[in-house]
Amino acid sequence: MPRPRVTLAAVLVATLLLTAGGVVVLAAAEVWRAGTFVLSVRDEGPNGARVAVVVPGIVATLAAVAIPFMLPDEAAARIRPAAPAMRALASELAGLPDAVYVAVEAPGERVLIASRGGVLVIEVDDGPDHVRLAIPLHAARRVLRSVAFAAQRTR
């Protein structure tokens, strides 16, 4: 094979590898950015159980893309009055500082709603029952905007 063909083949292979590598890096960055939804429920009673569900936030991001196409007209009509509030909430979530927003404690009971590192954290302890929910704010904003958009559409 003449030298120019080898050089051309090497350049093409390098270009393909760089492009594929870039796509993989961008996809990994989006998965990392979307965070992880976590729901943990624990019952410390005599027959207590623990259930934990962990879902990558990218699932919510992908769902947000599909919502406008899948939301039934009846659901859109019911959500429509809340759409402006949903868009406003999505905007406000972007600047949510790390803080405790609600903290209530009573004997045997506790409720906490806070924002930590871009995650909305909700914790409820009621006697032997414990519930923890972590919602990545980035994914929540996308879903809220998508549902608001879908509710405003007309077919």
Protein backbone atom coordinates (compact mmCIF):
# COMPACT_ATOMS: atom_id res chain seq x y z
CA MET A 1 0.00 0.00 0.00
CA PRO A 2 1.48 3.38 -0.94
CA ARG A 3 2.38 5.75 1.87
CA PRO A 4 -0.41 8.36 1.25
CA ARG A 5 -3.10 5.67 1.71
CA VAL A 6 -1.62 4.54 5.00
CA THR A 7 -1.53 8.13 6.22
CA LEU A 8 -5.11 8.72 5.09
CA ALA A 9 -6.28 5.52 6.80
CA ALA A 10 -4.49 6.50 10.03
CA VAL A 11 -6.08 9.95 9.97
CA LEU A 12 -9.55 8.46 9.38
CA VAL A 13 -9.14 5.92 12.20
CA ALA A 14 -7.87 8.62 14.56
CA THR A 15 -10.80 10.89 13.65
CA LEU A 16 -13.32 8.10 14.26
CA LEU A 17 -11.73 7.19 17.60
CA LEU A 18 -11.68 10.83 18.75
CA THR A 19 -15.31 11.32 17.71
CA ALA A 20 -16.44 8.11 19.43
CA GLY A 21 -14.43 9.01 22.52
CA GLY A 22 -15.98 12.47 22.59
CA VAL A 23 -19.49 11.04 22.37
CA VAL A 24 -18.75 8.63 25.23
CA VAL A 25 -17.31 11.43 27.38
CA LEU A 26 -20.31 13.69 26.71
CA ALA A 27 -22.75 10.88 27.50
CA ALA A 28 -20.91 10.05 30.72
CA ALA A 29 -20.92 13.73 31.71
CA GLU A 30 -24.69 13.94 31.18
CA VAL A 31 -25.29 10.78 33.23
CA TRP A 32 -23.12 12.18 36.04
CA ARG A 33 -24.78 15.61 35.85
CA ALA A 34 -28.28 14.11 36.06
CA GLY A 35 -27.49 12.56 39.45
CA THR A 36 -29.36 9.72 41.12
CA PHE A 37 -32.88 9.44 42.51
CA VAL A 38 -32.92 7.53 45.79
CA LEU A 39 -35.97 6.33 47.69
CA SER A 40 -35.32 4.42 50.89
CA VAL A 41 -38.06 3.12 53.17
CA ARG A 42 -37.24 1.31 56.39
CA ASP A 43 -39.58 -0.16 58.99
CA GLU A 44 -37.87 -1.10 62.23
CA GLY A 45 -40.96 -2.82 63.62
CA PRO A 46 -41.02 -6.53 64.55
CA ASN A 47 -41.54 -7.59 60.91
CA GLY A 48 -39.66 -4.61 59.60
CA ALA A 49 -38.27 -4.41 56.14
CA ARG A 50 -36.11 -2.11 54.12
CA VAL A 51 -36.66 -1.15 50.52
CA ALA A 52 -34.30 1.04 48.57
CA VAL A 53 -34.78 2.12 44.98
CA VAL A 54 -31.95 3.86 43.17
CA VAL A 55 -32.60 5.25 39.69
CA PRO A 56 -30.12 7.20 37.58
CA GLY A 57 -31.33 10.76 37.01
CA ILE A 58 -30.73 10.29 33.29
CA VAL A 59 -33.94 8.22 33.29
CA ALA A 60 -35.86 11.36 34.29
CA THR A 61 -34.02 13.35 31.64
CA LEU A 62 -34.99 10.82 28.97
CA ALA A 63 -38.56 10.75 30.30
CA ALA A 64 -38.67 14.54 30.06
CA VAL A 65 -38.00 14.24 26.34
CA ALA A 66 -40.88 11.78 25.92
CA ILE A 67 -43.46 13.53 28.14
CA PRO A 68 -44.73 16.01 25.53
CA PHE A 69 -45.47 13.13 23.16
CA MET A 70 -46.98 10.77 25.73
CA LEU A 71 -49.02 12.97 28.06
CA PRO A 72 -52.71 12.24 27.41
CA ASP A 73 -54.90 15.21 26.49
CA GLU A 74 -57.02 14.75 29.61
CA ALA A 75 -53.95 14.88 31.86
CA ALA A 76 -52.62 17.91 29.98
CA ALA A 77 -55.94 19.72 30.50
CA ARG A 78 -55.86 18.98 34.24
CA ILE A 79 -52.23 20.12 34.59
CA ARG A 80 -52.62 23.22 32.37
CA PRO A 81 -53.68 25.61 35.20
CA ALA A 82 -50.53 24.68 37.15
CA ALA A 83 -48.16 25.00 34.17
CA PRO A 84 -47.04 28.59 34.93
CA ALA A 85 -46.28 27.63 38.54
CA MET A 86 -44.37 24.58 37.34
CA ARG A 87 -42.23 26.71 35.01
CA ALA A 88 -41.59 29.19 37.84
CA LEU A 89 -40.64 26.37 40.22
CA ALA A 90 -38.28 24.90 37.61
CA SER A 91 -36.57 28.30 37.32
CA GLU A 92 -36.30 28.71 41.09
CA LEU A 93 -34.80 25.24 41.55
CA ALA A 94 -31.83 26.35 39.46
CA GLY A 95 -30.66 28.75 42.15
CA LEU A 96 -31.65 26.75 45.21
CA PRO A 97 -28.85 27.15 47.76
CA ASP A 98 -27.76 24.42 50.13
CA ALA A 99 -29.99 24.97 53.14
CA VAL A 100 -32.53 23.41 55.45
CA TYR A 101 -36.02 24.57 54.42
CA VAL A 102 -38.17 22.60 56.83
CA ALA A 103 -37.06 20.96 60.04
CA VAL A 104 -39.73 19.72 62.43
CA GLU A 105 -39.01 17.52 65.41
CA ALA A 106 -41.37 16.05 67.96
CA PRO A 107 -41.02 13.03 70.23
CA GLY A 108 -40.60 10.05 67.89
CA GLU A 109 -41.13 12.14 64.76
CA ARG A 110 -38.94 14.19 62.46
CA VAL A 111 -39.37 15.86 59.07
CA LEU A 112 -36.52 17.45 57.14
CA ILE A 113 -36.60 19.11 53.73
CA ALA A 114 -33.25 20.44 52.58
CA SER A 115 -31.08 21.06 49.57
CA ARG A 116 -27.57 19.60 49.59
CA GLY A 117 -25.17 19.68 46.68
CA GLY A 118 -27.82 20.05 43.99
CA VAL A 119 -30.10 17.41 45.52
CA LEU A 120 -33.45 17.99 47.22
CA VAL A 121 -33.50 15.77 50.30
CA ILE A 122 -36.72 14.81 52.09
CA GLU A 123 -36.47 12.75 55.27
CA VAL A 124 -39.39 11.60 57.39
CA ASP A 125 -39.05 9.58 60.59
CA ASP A 126 -42.26 8.47 62.25
CA GLY A 127 -41.60 6.10 65.10
CA PRO A 128 -40.17 2.93 63.57
CA ASP A 129 -40.80 4.11 59.99
CA HIS A 130 -38.10 5.99 58.10
CA VAL A 131 -38.41 7.42 54.58
CA ARG A 132 -35.60 9.11 52.66
CA LEU A 133 -36.00 10.66 49.22
CA ALA A 134 -33.23 12.33 47.22
CA ILE A 135 -34.17 14.14 44.01
CA PRO A 136 -31.46 15.64 41.75
CA LEU A 137 -32.53 19.23 41.11
CA HIS A 138 -31.18 19.21 37.56
CA ALA A 139 -33.41 16.29 36.60
CA ALA A 140 -36.40 17.70 38.50
CA ARG A 141 -36.12 21.00 36.59
CA ARG A 142 -36.13 19.21 33.24
CA VAL A 143 -39.18 17.14 34.13
CA LEU A 144 -41.10 20.18 35.45
CA ARG A 145 -40.36 22.20 32.31
CA SER A 146 -41.32 19.30 30.07
CA VAL A 147 -44.62 18.65 31.86
CA ALA A 148 -45.47 22.38 31.79
CA PHE A 149 -44.70 22.50 28.06
CA ALA A 150 -46.79 19.39 27.39
CA ALA A 151 -49.72 20.79 29.38
CA GLN A 152 -49.72 24.01 27.36
CA ARG A 153 -49.76 22.26 23.99
CA THR A 154 -52.89 21.96 21.92
CA ARG A 155 -53.53 19.18 19.45
